[in-house]
Structure formats: C-alpha cells, structure tokens
Amino acid sequence: KQWYQRRVRAMREDHCKSIAEIHRIYKEIEINTQNTFTEFVTELRGDYRDKVQEFTRIIDLCIKDGSRKELLWKDQAEGLHANNTKLIREINDLIDYSNRQKVNLNKTTARE
C-alpha cells in the first residue's frame, strides 16, 4: 500500500511538473505573441503616421497652389476689368467726338 501511495504521489508530482512546464511554455508563447503583435502594431502605426503626414503635406501644397492660382486669377480679372473700363471710356469718348464732328459738319453744311 505504501508503494502504491508513493507511486501515486510521484505520478502526481510528475503531472504537476508537466502542467507547470506546459503553463510556462504557453506563457512564453503568449509573451512572444504579444511582443510580435505590439511590434506589428507599432510598425503599422508608424507607416500610417508617415502616410498621413505625406497626404497632409500634399493637401497643404494643393491648398497653397489653389490659393496662389486664386490670387493670380483675381489679379488677372481685376486687370481685365480695368482694361475694359478704360476701353469703354475710350469708346464713349470716340462716340462723343464723332457726334460733335457730325454736329459741326451739319452746322457747316447748313450755313452754306
């Protein structure tokens, strides 16, 4: 009977050692998996941060370019408006001059 009890205790100790070893191995696997996952997420976060920074830079360039073009178009529109105003004034002056010439011509012909 004692031999049997010793044998059962020995088997129980071996079983507990095996379970502890399995637990240790699973804990190592868990830690390795967590570290690998953390490295993956950190790298992925860095990649996306770099992409977001690049897209932000491109958007900023587009906004600046759009603003620059808007100012250029505004300047051109103001220049064209000024030229149109000047041409309209010149046309009106020429029409007035032409009308005055007609009146003078009519006066001259009426006297003769």
PDB file of N, CA and C in Angstrom:
ATOM      1  N   LYS A   1       0.820  -1.182   0.000  1.00  0.00           N
ATOM      2  CA  LYS A   1       0.000   0.000   0.000  1.00  0.00           C
ATOM      3  C   LYS A   1       0.871   1.255   0.000  1.00  0.00           C
ATOM      4  N   GLN A   2       1.930   1.297   0.762  1.00  0.00           N
ATOM      5  CA  GLN A   2       2.809   2.455   0.778  1.00  0.00           C
ATOM      6  C   GLN A   2       3.469   2.658  -0.589  1.00  0.00           C
ATOM      7  N   TRP A   3       3.854   1.571  -1.173  1.00  0.00           N
ATOM      8  CA  TRP A   3       4.456   1.678  -2.503  1.00  0.00           C
ATOM      9  C   TRP A   3       3.483   2.323  -3.470  1.00  0.00           C
ATOM     10  N   TYR A   4       2.238   1.912  -3.390  1.00  0.00           N
ATOM     11  CA  TYR A   4       1.196   2.453  -4.268  1.00  0.00           C
ATOM     12  C   TYR A   4       1.005   3.951  -3.984  1.00  0.00           C
ATOM     13  N   GLN A   5       0.978   4.354  -2.724  1.00  0.00           N
ATOM     14  CA  GLN A   5       0.808   5.761  -2.374  1.00  0.00           C
ATOM     15  C   GLN A   5       2.003   6.587  -2.853  1.00  0.00           C
ATOM     16  N   ARG A   6       3.222   6.013  -2.668  1.00  0.00           N
ATOM     17  CA  ARG A   6       4.401   6.724  -3.164  1.00  0.00           C
ATOM     18  C   ARG A   6       4.334   6.878  -4.680  1.00  0.00           C
ATOM     19  N   ARG A   7       3.930   5.841  -5.321  1.00  0.00           N
ATOM     20  CA  ARG A   7       3.831   5.864  -6.790  1.00  0.00           C
ATOM     21  C   ARG A   7       2.806   6.903  -7.248  1.00  0.00           C
ATOM     22  N   VAL A   8       1.661   6.958  -6.565  1.00  0.00           N
ATOM     23  CA  VAL A   8       0.620   7.926  -6.910  1.00  0.00           C
ATOM     24  C   VAL A   8       1.135   9.342  -6.655  1.00  0.00           C
ATOM     25  N   ARG A   9       1.828   9.541  -5.526  1.00  0.00           N
ATOM     26  CA  ARG A   9       2.394  10.865  -5.245  1.00  0.00           C
ATOM     27  C   ARG A   9       3.424  11.249  -6.316  1.00  0.00           C
ATOM     28  N   ALA A  10       4.256  10.312  -6.687  1.00  0.00           N
ATOM     29  CA  ALA A  10       5.271  10.576  -7.712  1.00  0.00           C
ATOM     30  C   ALA A  10       4.601  10.920  -9.038  1.00  0.00           C
ATOM     31  N   MET A  11       3.558  10.175  -9.378  1.00  0.00           N
ATOM     32  CA  MET A  11       2.831  10.459 -10.619  1.00  0.00           C
ATOM     33  C   MET A  11       2.182  11.843 -10.542  1.00  0.00           C
ATOM     34  N   ARG A  12       1.640  12.165  -9.361  1.00  0.00           N
ATOM     35  CA  ARG A  12       1.011  13.475  -9.174  1.00  0.00           C
ATOM     36  C   ARG A  12       2.064  14.570  -9.305  1.00  0.00           C
ATOM     37  N   GLU A  13       3.225  14.412  -8.709  1.00  0.00           N
ATOM     38  CA  GLU A  13       4.301  15.402  -8.810  1.00  0.00           C
ATOM     39  C   GLU A  13       4.752  15.543 -10.263  1.00  0.00           C
ATOM     40  N   ASP A  14       4.923  14.411 -10.960  1.00  0.00           N
ATOM     41  CA  ASP A  14       5.292  14.468 -12.382  1.00  0.00           C
ATOM     42  C   ASP A  14       4.222  15.196 -13.193  1.00  0.00           C
ATOM     43  N   HIS A  15       2.974  14.892 -12.872  1.00  0.00           N
ATOM     44  CA  HIS A  15       1.866  15.539 -13.579  1.00  0.00           C
ATOM     45  C   HIS A  15       1.875  17.047 -13.301  1.00  0.00           C
ATOM     46  N   CYS A  16       2.069  17.453 -12.032  1.00  0.00           N
ATOM     47  CA  CYS A  16       2.124  18.880 -11.679  1.00  0.00           C
ATOM     48  C   CYS A  16       3.304  19.558 -12.365  1.00  0.00           C
ATOM     49  N   LYS A  17       4.456  18.867 -12.428  1.00  0.00           N
ATOM     50  CA  LYS A  17       5.618  19.420 -13.126  1.00  0.00           C
ATOM     51  C   LYS A  17       5.314  19.594 -14.607  1.00  0.00           C
ATOM     52  N   SER A  18       4.649  18.593 -15.186  1.00  0.00           N
ATOM     53  CA  SER A  18       4.297  18.680 -16.614  1.00  0.00           C
ATOM     54  C   SER A  18       3.335  19.841 -16.857  1.00  0.00           C
ATOM     55  N   ILE A  19       2.341  19.967 -15.984  1.00  0.00           N
ATOM     56  CA  ILE A  19       1.374  21.060 -16.114  1.00  0.00           C
ATOM     57  C   ILE A  19       2.094  22.411 -15.952  1.00  0.00           C
ATOM     58  N   ALA A  20       2.989  22.508 -14.979  1.00  0.00           N
ATOM     59  CA  ALA A  20       3.743  23.749 -14.768  1.00  0.00           C
ATOM     60  C   ALA A  20       4.598  24.067 -15.992  1.00  0.00           C
ATOM     61  N   GLU A  21       5.224  23.036 -16.585  1.00  0.00           N
ATOM     62  CA  GLU A  21       6.044  23.229 -17.791  1.00  0.00           C
ATOM     63  C   GLU A  21       5.168  23.684 -18.965  1.00  0.00           C
ATOM     64  N   ILE A  22       4.005  23.043 -19.108  1.00  0.00           N
ATOM     65  CA  ILE A  22       3.069  23.449 -20.175  1.00  0.00           C
ATOM     66  C   ILE A  22       2.634  24.893 -19.945  1.00  0.00           C
ATOM     67  N   HIS A  23       2.316  25.234 -18.697  1.00  0.00           N
ATOM     68  CA  HIS A  23       1.905  26.608 -18.370  1.00  0.00           C
ATOM     69  C   HIS A  23       3.036  27.599 -18.687  1.00  0.00           C
ATOM     70  N   ARG A  24       4.263  27.237 -18.343  1.00  0.00           N
ATOM     71  CA  ARG A  24       5.416  28.091 -18.618  1.00  0.00           C
ATOM     72  C   ARG A  24       5.583  28.302 -20.132  1.00  0.00           C
ATOM     73  N   ILE A  25       5.463  27.193 -20.893  1.00  0.00           N
ATOM     74  CA  ILE A  25       5.622  27.275 -22.350  1.00  0.00           C
ATOM     75  C   ILE A  25       4.518  28.151 -22.955  1.00  0.00           C
ATOM     76  N   TYR A  26       3.274  27.953 -22.507  1.00  0.00           N
ATOM     77  CA  TYR A  26       2.177  28.771 -23.011  1.00  0.00           C
ATOM     78  C   TYR A  26       2.363  30.247 -22.638  1.00  0.00           C
ATOM     79  N   LYS A  27       2.894  30.498 -21.439  1.00  0.00           N
ATOM     80  CA  LYS A  27       3.152  31.875 -21.015  1.00  0.00           C
ATOM     81  C   LYS A  27       4.212  32.508 -21.925  1.00  0.00           C
ATOM     82  N   GLU A  28       5.265  31.739 -22.257  1.00  0.00           N
ATOM     83  CA  GLU A  28       6.299  32.233 -23.190  1.00  0.00           C
ATOM     84  C   GLU A  28       5.693  32.535 -24.551  1.00  0.00           C
ATOM     85  N   ILE A  29       4.842  31.601 -25.024  1.00  0.00           N
ATOM     86  CA  ILE A  29       4.188  31.805 -26.322  1.00  0.00           C
ATOM     87  C   ILE A  29       3.319  33.051 -26.276  1.00  0.00           C
ATOM     88  N   GLU A  30       2.580  33.243 -25.182  1.00  0.00           N
ATOM     89  CA  GLU A  30       1.723  34.416 -25.027  1.00  0.00           C
ATOM     90  C   GLU A  30       2.550  35.704 -25.048  1.00  0.00           C
ATOM     91  N   ILE A  31       3.660  35.703 -24.326  1.00  0.00           N
ATOM     92  CA  ILE A  31       4.522  36.891 -24.280  1.00  0.00           C
ATOM     93  C   ILE A  31       5.117  37.164 -25.668  1.00  0.00           C
ATOM     94  N   ASN A  32       5.607  36.117 -26.338  1.00  0.00           N
ATOM     95  CA  ASN A  32       6.174  36.288 -27.682  1.00  0.00           C
ATOM     96  C   ASN A  32       5.118  36.805 -28.661  1.00  0.00           C
ATOM     97  N   THR A  33       3.913  36.226 -28.563  1.00  0.00           N
ATOM     98  CA  THR A  33       2.834  36.664 -29.453  1.00  0.00           C
ATOM     99  C   THR A  33       2.481  38.122 -29.182  1.00  0.00           C
ATOM    100  N   GLN A  34       2.384  38.488 -27.914  1.00  0.00           N
ATOM    101  CA  GLN A  34       2.066  39.879 -27.551  1.00  0.00           C
ATOM    102  C   GLN A  34       3.156  40.826 -28.041  1.00  0.00           C
ATOM    103  N   ASN A  35       4.416  40.441 -27.875  1.00  0.00           N
ATOM    104  CA  ASN A  35       5.522  41.283 -28.355  1.00  0.00           C
ATOM    105  C   ASN A  35       5.486  41.430 -29.866  1.00  0.00           C
ATOM    106  N   THR A  36       5.251  40.306 -30.565  1.00  0.00           N
ATOM    107  CA  THR A  36       5.175  40.354 -32.031  1.00  0.00           C
ATOM    108  C   THR A  36       4.027  41.254 -32.468  1.00  0.00           C
ATOM    109  N   PHE A  37       2.884  41.097 -31.815  1.00  0.00           N
ATOM    110  CA  PHE A  37       1.724  41.922 -32.151  1.00  0.00           C
ATOM    111  C   PHE A  37       2.009  43.402 -31.873  1.00  0.00           C
ATOM    112  N   THR A  38       2.616  43.688 -30.735  1.00  0.00           N
ATOM    113  CA  THR A  38       2.951  45.068 -30.383  1.00  0.00           C
ATOM    114  C   THR A  38       3.915  45.664 -31.407  1.00  0.00           C
ATOM    115  N   GLU A  39       4.920  44.897 -31.816  1.00  0.00           N
ATOM    116  CA  GLU A  39       5.855  45.379 -32.844  1.00  0.00           C
ATOM    117  C   GLU A  39       5.116  45.640 -34.153  1.00  0.00           C
ATOM    118  N   PHE A  40       4.225  44.722 -34.527  1.00  0.00           N
ATOM    119  CA  PHE A  40       3.460  44.868 -35.763  1.00  0.00           C
ATOM    120  C   PHE A  40       2.605  46.132 -35.717  1.00  0.00           C
ATOM    121  N   VAL A  41       1.883  46.324 -34.604  1.00  0.00           N
ATOM    122  CA  VAL A  41       1.017  47.500 -34.472  1.00  0.00           C
ATOM    123  C   VAL A  41       1.843  48.773 -34.468  1.00  0.00           C
ATOM    124  N   THR A  42       2.974  48.760 -33.778  1.00  0.00           N
ATOM    125  CA  THR A  42       3.842  49.942 -33.729  1.00  0.00           C
ATOM    126  C   THR A  42       4.362  50.278 -35.125  1.00  0.00           C
ATOM    127  N   GLU A  43       4.780  49.263 -35.854  1.00  0.00           N
ATOM    128  CA  GLU A  43       5.281  49.488 -37.221  1.00  0.00           C
ATOM    129  C   GLU A  43       4.154  49.981 -38.125  1.00  0.00           C
ATOM    130  N   LEU A  44       2.991  49.366 -38.002  1.00  0.00           N
ATOM    131  CA  LEU A  44       1.843  49.768 -38.809  1.00  0.00           C
ATOM    132  C   LEU A  44       1.443  51.206 -38.485  1.00  0.00           C
ATOM    133  N   ARG A  45       1.433  51.547 -37.212  1.00  0.00           N
ATOM    134  CA  ARG A  45       1.098  52.906 -36.790  1.00  0.00           C
ATOM    135  C   ARG A  45       2.105  53.899 -37.373  1.00  0.00           C
ATOM    136  N   GLY A  46       3.391  53.522 -37.353  1.00  0.00           N
ATOM    137  CA  GLY A  46       4.418  54.391 -37.924  1.00  0.00           C
ATOM    138  C   GLY A  46       4.226  54.574 -39.424  1.00  0.00           C
ATOM    139  N   ASP A  47       3.918  53.458 -40.118  1.00  0.00           N
ATOM    140  CA  ASP A  47       3.681  53.547 -41.563  1.00  0.00           C
ATOM    141  C   ASP A  47       2.511  54.481 -41.869  1.00  0.00           C
ATOM    142  N   TYR A  48       1.418  54.302 -41.141  1.00  0.00           N
ATOM    143  CA  TYR A  48       0.251  55.131 -41.403  1.00  0.00           C
ATOM    144  C   TYR A  48       0.481  56.574 -40.976  1.00  0.00           C
ATOM    145  N   ARG A  49       1.247  56.787 -39.901  1.00  0.00           N
ATOM    146  CA  ARG A  49       1.576  58.155 -39.498  1.00  0.00           C
ATOM    147  C   ARG A  49       2.366  58.829 -40.628  1.00  0.00           C
ATOM    148  N   ASP A  50       3.330  58.085 -41.209  1.00  0.00           N
ATOM    149  CA  ASP A  50       4.110  58.639 -42.319  1.00  0.00           C
ATOM    150  C   ASP A  50       3.211  58.946 -43.517  1.00  0.00           C
ATOM    151  N   LYS A  51       2.269  58.034 -43.800  1.00  0.00           N
ATOM    152  CA  LYS A  51       1.356  58.256 -44.933  1.00  0.00           C
ATOM    153  C   LYS A  51       0.462  59.466 -44.680  1.00  0.00           C
ATOM    154  N   VAL A  52      -0.049  59.582 -43.463  1.00  0.00           N
ATOM    155  CA  VAL A  52      -0.903  60.722 -43.124  1.00  0.00           C
ATOM    156  C   VAL A  52      -0.108  62.016 -43.248  1.00  0.00           C
ATOM    157  N   GLN A  53       1.138  62.009 -42.783  1.00  0.00           N
ATOM    158  CA  GLN A  53       1.973  63.212 -42.898  1.00  0.00           C
ATOM    159  C   GLN A  53       2.200  63.561 -44.366  1.00  0.00           C
ATOM    160  N   GLU A  54       2.436  62.553 -45.197  1.00  0.00           N
ATOM    161  CA  GLU A  54       2.652  62.800 -46.633  1.00  0.00           C
ATOM    162  C   GLU A  54       1.383  63.356 -47.280  1.00  0.00           C
ATOM    163  N   PHE A  55       0.224  62.741 -46.957  1.00  0.00           N
ATOM    164  CA  PHE A  55      -1.038  63.243 -47.510  1.00  0.00           C
ATOM    165  C   PHE A  55      -1.317  64.666 -47.027  1.00  0.00           C
ATOM    166  N   THR A  56      -1.022  64.938 -45.762  1.00  0.00           N
ATOM    167  CA  THR A  56      -1.214  66.284 -45.223  1.00  0.00           C
ATOM    168  C   THR A  56      -0.322  67.275 -45.958  1.00  0.00           C
ATOM    169  N   ARG A  57       0.924  66.882 -46.219  1.00  0.00           N
ATOM    170  CA  ARG A  57       1.849  67.750 -46.955  1.00  0.00           C
ATOM    171  C   ARG A  57       1.316  68.023 -48.355  1.00  0.00           C
ATOM    172  N   ILE A  58       0.821  66.967 -49.022  1.00  0.00           N
ATOM    173  CA  ILE A  58       0.291  67.127 -50.385  1.00  0.00           C
ATOM    174  C   ILE A  58      -0.945  68.027 -50.374  1.00  0.00           C
ATOM    175  N   ILE A  59      -1.823  67.817 -49.398  1.00  0.00           N
ATOM    176  CA  ILE A  59      -3.028  68.657 -49.296  1.00  0.00           C
ATOM    177  C   ILE A  59      -2.637  70.106 -49.054  1.00  0.00           C
ATOM    178  N   ASP A  60      -1.670  70.328 -48.174  1.00  0.00           N
ATOM    179  CA  ASP A  60      -1.205  71.696 -47.914  1.00  0.00           C
ATOM    180  C   ASP A  60      -0.652  72.338 -49.182  1.00  0.00           C
ATOM    181  N   LEU A  61       0.125  71.553 -49.946  1.00  0.00           N
ATOM    182  CA  LEU A  61       0.666  72.087 -51.209  1.00  0.00           C
ATOM    183  C   LEU A  61      -0.464  72.431 -52.166  1.00  0.00           C
ATOM    184  N   CYS A  62      -1.474  71.559 -52.246  1.00  0.00           N
ATOM    185  CA  CYS A  62      -2.607  71.828 -53.143  1.00  0.00           C
ATOM    186  C   CYS A  62      -3.365  73.075 -52.704  1.00  0.00           C
ATOM    187  N   ILE A  63      -3.549  73.220 -51.401  1.00  0.00           N
ATOM    188  CA  ILE A  63      -4.256  74.403 -50.889  1.00  0.00           C
ATOM    189  C   ILE A  63      -3.449  75.664 -51.209  1.00  0.00           C
ATOM    190  N   LYS A  64      -2.129  75.613 -50.968  1.00  0.00           N
ATOM    191  CA  LYS A  64      -1.292  76.782 -51.265  1.00  0.00           C
ATOM    192  C   LYS A  64      -1.315  77.088 -52.756  1.00  0.00           C
ATOM    193  N   ASP A  65      -1.228  76.026 -53.581  1.00  0.00           N
ATOM    194  CA  ASP A  65      -1.242  76.228 -55.025  1.00  0.00           C
ATOM    195  C   ASP A  65      -2.587  76.808 -55.460  1.00  0.00           C
ATOM    196  N   GLY A  66      -3.670  76.284 -54.877  1.00  0.00           N
ATOM    197  CA  GLY A  66      -5.006  76.806 -55.198  1.00  0.00           C
ATOM    198  C   GLY A  66      -5.140  78.260 -54.789  1.00  0.00           C
ATOM    199  N   SER A  67      -4.622  78.598 -53.616  1.00  0.00           N
ATOM    200  CA  SER A  67      -4.680  79.992 -53.156  1.00  0.00           C
ATOM    201  C   SER A  67      -3.862  80.893 -54.067  1.00  0.00           C
ATOM    202  N   ARG A  68      -2.684  80.389 -54.469  1.00  0.00           N
ATOM    203  CA  ARG A  68      -1.827  81.177 -55.361  1.00  0.00           C
ATOM    204  C   ARG A  68      -2.533  81.402 -56.694  1.00  0.00           C
ATOM    205  N   LYS A  69      -3.150  80.334 -57.226  1.00  0.00           N
ATOM    206  CA  LYS A  69      -3.865  80.470 -58.501  1.00  0.00           C
ATOM    207  C   LYS A  69      -5.065  81.404 -58.356  1.00  0.00           C
ATOM    208  N   GLU A  70      -5.755  81.308 -57.216  1.00  0.00           N
ATOM    209  CA  GLU A  70      -6.906  82.178 -56.996  1.00  0.00           C
ATOM    210  C   GLU A  70      -6.471  83.640 -56.995  1.00  0.00           C
ATOM    211  N   LEU A  71      -5.358  83.934 -56.316  1.00  0.00           N
ATOM    212  CA  LEU A  71      -4.850  85.306 -56.311  1.00  0.00           C
ATOM    213  C   LEU A  71      -4.449  85.752 -57.721  1.00  0.00           C
ATOM    214  N   LEU A  72      -3.815  84.833 -58.461  1.00  0.00           N
ATOM    215  CA  LEU A  72      -3.411  85.167 -59.825  1.00  0.00           C
ATOM    216  C   LEU A  72      -4.634  85.467 -60.682  1.00  0.00           C
ATOM    217  N   TRP A  73      -5.651  84.596 -60.586  1.00  0.00           N
ATOM    218  CA  TRP A  73      -6.873  84.812 -61.379  1.00  0.00           C
ATOM    219  C   TRP A  73      -7.586  86.087 -60.950  1.00  0.00           C
ATOM    220  N   LYS A  74      -7.568  86.377 -59.654  1.00  0.00           N
ATOM    221  CA  LYS A  74      -8.199  87.597 -59.165  1.00  0.00           C
ATOM    222  C   LYS A  74      -7.472  88.819 -59.725  1.00  0.00           C
ATOM    223  N   ASP A  75      -6.136  88.778 -59.702  1.00  0.00           N
ATOM    224  CA  ASP A  75      -5.354  89.881 -60.269  1.00  0.00           C
ATOM    225  C   ASP A  75      -5.634  90.046 -61.755  1.00  0.00           C
ATOM    226  N   GLN A  76      -5.698  88.910 -62.463  1.00  0.00           N
ATOM    227  CA  GLN A  76      -5.976  88.986 -63.896  1.00  0.00           C
ATOM    228  C   GLN A  76      -7.371  89.541 -64.153  1.00  0.00           C
ATOM    229  N   ALA A  77      -8.346  89.108 -63.349  1.00  0.00           N
ATOM    230  CA  ALA A  77      -9.716  89.607 -63.516  1.00  0.00           C
ATOM    231  C   ALA A  77      -9.775  91.106 -63.244  1.00  0.00           C
ATOM    232  N   GLU A  78      -9.084  91.560 -62.191  1.00  0.00           N
ATOM    233  CA  GLU A  78      -9.061  92.992 -61.890  1.00  0.00           C
ATOM    234  C   GLU A  78      -8.391  93.767 -63.020  1.00  0.00           C
ATOM    235  N   GLY A  79      -7.309  93.202 -63.564  1.00  0.00           N
ATOM    236  CA  GLY A  79      -6.631  93.845 -64.692  1.00  0.00           C
ATOM    237  C   GLY A  79      -7.536  93.935 -65.910  1.00  0.00           C
ATOM    238  N   LEU A  80      -8.248  92.847 -66.194  1.00  0.00           N
ATOM    239  CA  LEU A  80      -9.167  92.860 -67.332  1.00  0.00           C
ATOM    240  C   LEU A  80     -10.307  93.847 -67.100  1.00  0.00           C
ATOM    241  N   HIS A  81     -10.797  93.906 -65.881  1.00  0.00           N
ATOM    242  CA  HIS A  81     -11.868  94.854 -65.566  1.00  0.00           C
ATOM    243  C   HIS A  81     -11.378  96.291 -65.784  1.00  0.00           C
ATOM    244  N   ALA A  82     -10.169  96.564 -65.328  1.00  0.00           N
ATOM    245  CA  ALA A  82      -9.599  97.912 -65.511  1.00  0.00           C
ATOM    246  C   ALA A  82      -9.435  98.219 -66.998  1.00  0.00           C
ATOM    247  N   ASN A  83      -8.930  97.246 -67.768  1.00  0.00           N
ATOM    248  CA  ASN A  83      -8.769  97.444 -69.216  1.00  0.00           C
ATOM    249  C   ASN A  83     -10.120  97.656 -69.889  1.00  0.00           C
ATOM    250  N   ASN A  84     -11.115  96.857 -69.479  1.00  0.00           N
ATOM    251  CA  ASN A  84     -12.450  97.012 -70.073  1.00  0.00           C
ATOM    252  C   ASN A  84     -13.029  98.388 -69.759  1.00  0.00           C
ATOM    253  N   THR A  85     -12.858  98.830 -68.518  1.00  0.00           N
ATOM    254  CA  THR A  85     -13.353 100.164 -68.129  1.00  0.00           C
ATOM    255  C   THR A  85     -12.667 101.241 -68.964  1.00  0.00           C
ATOM    256  N   LYS A  86     -11.356 101.106 -69.141  1.00  0.00           N
ATOM    257  CA  LYS A  86     -10.600 102.080 -69.938  1.00  0.00           C
ATOM    258  C   LYS A  86     -11.081 102.066 -71.392  1.00  0.00           C
ATOM    259  N   LEU A  87     -11.278 100.849 -71.954  1.00  0.00           N
ATOM    260  CA  LEU A  87     -11.735 100.766 -73.350  1.00  0.00           C
ATOM    261  C   LEU A  87     -13.142 101.338 -73.516  1.00  0.00           C
ATOM    262  N   ILE A  88     -14.016 101.077 -72.558  1.00  0.00           N
ATOM    263  CA  ILE A  88     -15.374 101.631 -72.632  1.00  0.00           C
ATOM    264  C   ILE A  88     -15.326 103.149 -72.586  1.00  0.00           C
ATOM    265  N   ARG A  89     -14.470 103.691 -71.704  1.00  0.00           N
ATOM    266  CA  ARG A  89     -14.308 105.148 -71.617  1.00  0.00           C
ATOM    267  C   ARG A  89     -13.806 105.701 -72.948  1.00  0.00           C
ATOM    268  N   GLU A  90     -12.812 104.995 -73.552  1.00  0.00           N
ATOM    269  CA  GLU A  90     -12.269 105.460 -74.839  1.00  0.00           C
ATOM    270  C   GLU A  90     -13.334 105.392 -75.931  1.00  0.00           C
ATOM    271  N   ILE A  91     -14.128 104.329 -75.925  1.00  0.00           N
ATOM    272  CA  ILE A  91     -15.193 104.195 -76.931  1.00  0.00           C
ATOM    273  C   ILE A  91     -16.203 105.325 -76.760  1.00  0.00           C
ATOM    274  N   ASN A  92     -16.600 105.569 -75.504  1.00  0.00           N
ATOM    275  CA  ASN A  92     -17.551 106.666 -75.257  1.00  0.00           C
ATOM    276  C   ASN A  92     -16.965 108.010 -75.680  1.00  0.00           C
ATOM    277  N   ASP A  93     -15.688 108.224 -75.411  1.00  0.00           N
ATOM    278  CA  ASP A  93     -15.035 109.474 -75.846  1.00  0.00           C
ATOM    279  C   ASP A  93     -15.043 109.580 -77.368  1.00  0.00           C
ATOM    280  N   LEU A  94     -14.768 108.448 -78.045  1.00  0.00           N
ATOM    281  CA  LEU A  94     -14.781 108.472 -79.519  1.00  0.00           C
ATOM    282  C   LEU A  94     -16.188 108.713 -80.064  1.00  0.00           C
ATOM    283  N   ILE A  95     -17.181 108.132 -79.398  1.00  0.00           N
ATOM    284  CA  ILE A  95     -18.571 108.362 -79.835  1.00  0.00           C
ATOM    285  C   ILE A  95     -18.929 109.833 -79.651  1.00  0.00           C
ATOM    286  N   ASP A  96     -18.541 110.400 -78.488  1.00  0.00           N
ATOM    287  CA  ASP A  96     -18.796 111.831 -78.250  1.00  0.00           C
ATOM    288  C   ASP A  96     -18.088 112.690 -79.294  1.00  0.00           C
ATOM    289  N   TYR A  97     -16.840 112.364 -79.572  1.00  0.00           N
ATOM    290  CA  TYR A  97     -16.077 113.107 -80.578  1.00  0.00           C
ATOM    291  C   TYR A  97     -16.761 113.003 -81.938  1.00  0.00           C
ATOM    292  N   SER A  98     -17.189 111.783 -82.278  1.00  0.00           N
ATOM    293  CA  SER A  98     -17.849 111.580 -83.573  1.00  0.00           C
ATOM    294  C   SER A  98     -19.147 112.371 -83.636  1.00  0.00           C
ATOM    295  N   ASN A  99     -19.909 112.358 -82.552  1.00  0.00           N
ATOM    296  CA  ASN A  99     -21.164 113.120 -82.532  1.00  0.00           C
ATOM    297  C   ASN A  99     -20.909 114.619 -82.666  1.00  0.00           C
ATOM    298  N   ARG A 100     -19.859 115.101 -81.983  1.00  0.00           N
ATOM    299  CA  ARG A 100     -19.518 116.519 -82.103  1.00  0.00           C
ATOM    300  C   ARG A 100     -19.105 116.860 -83.543  1.00  0.00           C
ATOM    301  N   GLN A 101     -18.367 115.949 -84.152  1.00  0.00           N
ATOM    302  CA  GLN A 101     -17.941 116.181 -85.536  1.00  0.00           C
ATOM    303  C   GLN A 101     -19.149 116.232 -86.469  1.00  0.00           C
ATOM    304  N   LYS A 102     -20.110 115.353 -86.233  1.00  0.00           N
ATOM    305  CA  LYS A 102     -21.331 115.364 -87.060  1.00  0.00           C
ATOM    306  C   LYS A 102     -22.089 116.686 -86.893  1.00  0.00           C
ATOM    307  N   VAL A 103     -22.182 117.135 -85.645  1.00  0.00           N
ATOM    308  CA  VAL A 103     -22.888 118.398 -85.384  1.00  0.00           C
ATOM    309  C   VAL A 103     -22.157 119.535 -86.084  1.00  0.00           C
ATOM    310  N   ASN A 104     -20.844 119.570 -85.959  1.00  0.00           N
ATOM    311  CA  ASN A 104     -20.068 120.630 -86.625  1.00  0.00           C
ATOM    312  C   ASN A 104     -20.223 120.546 -88.133  1.00  0.00           C
ATOM    313  N   LEU A 105     -20.229 119.331 -88.669  1.00  0.00           N
ATOM    314  CA  LEU A 105     -20.394 119.155 -90.110  1.00  0.00           C
ATOM    315  C   LEU A 105     -21.779 119.619 -90.540  1.00  0.00           C
ATOM    316  N   ASN A 106     -22.784 119.292 -89.744  1.00  0.00           N
ATOM    317  CA  ASN A 106     -24.166 119.720 -90.064  1.00  0.00           C
ATOM    318  C   ASN A 106     -24.273 121.251 -90.020  1.00  0.00           C
ATOM    319  N   LYS A 107     -23.610 121.858 -89.033  1.00  0.00           N
ATOM    320  CA  LYS A 107     -23.639 123.332 -88.929  1.00  0.00           C
ATOM    321  C   LYS A 107     -22.981 123.959 -90.158  1.00  0.00           C
ATOM    322  N   THR A 108     -21.841 123.376 -90.539  1.00  0.00           N
ATOM    323  CA  THR A 108     -21.100 123.905 -91.673  1.00  0.00           C
ATOM    324  C   THR A 108     -21.921 123.755 -92.959  1.00  0.00           C
ATOM    325  N   THR A 109     -22.523 122.621 -93.149  1.00  0.00           N
ATOM    326  CA  THR A 109     -23.324 122.413 -94.362  1.00  0.00           C
ATOM    327  C   THR A 109     -24.586 123.253 -94.344  1.00  0.00           C
ATOM    328  N   ALA A 110     -25.148 123.510 -93.194  1.00  0.00           N
ATOM    329  CA  ALA A 110     -26.359 124.306 -93.094  1.00  0.00           C
ATOM    330  C   ALA A 110     -26.064 125.771 -93.432  1.00  0.00           C
ATOM    331  N   ARG A 111     -24.883 126.284 -93.154  1.00  0.00           N
ATOM    332  CA  ARG A 111     -24.512 127.646 -93.439  1.00  0.00           C
ATOM    333  C   ARG A 111     -24.305 127.861 -94.934  1.00  0.00           C
ATOM    334  N   GLU A 112     -23.890 126.826 -95.556  1.00  0.00           N
ATOM    335  CA  GLU A 112     -23.581 127.014 -96.978  1.00  0.00           C
ATOM    336  C   GLU A 112     -24.822 126.929 -97.748  1.00  0.00           C
TER     337      GLU A 112
END
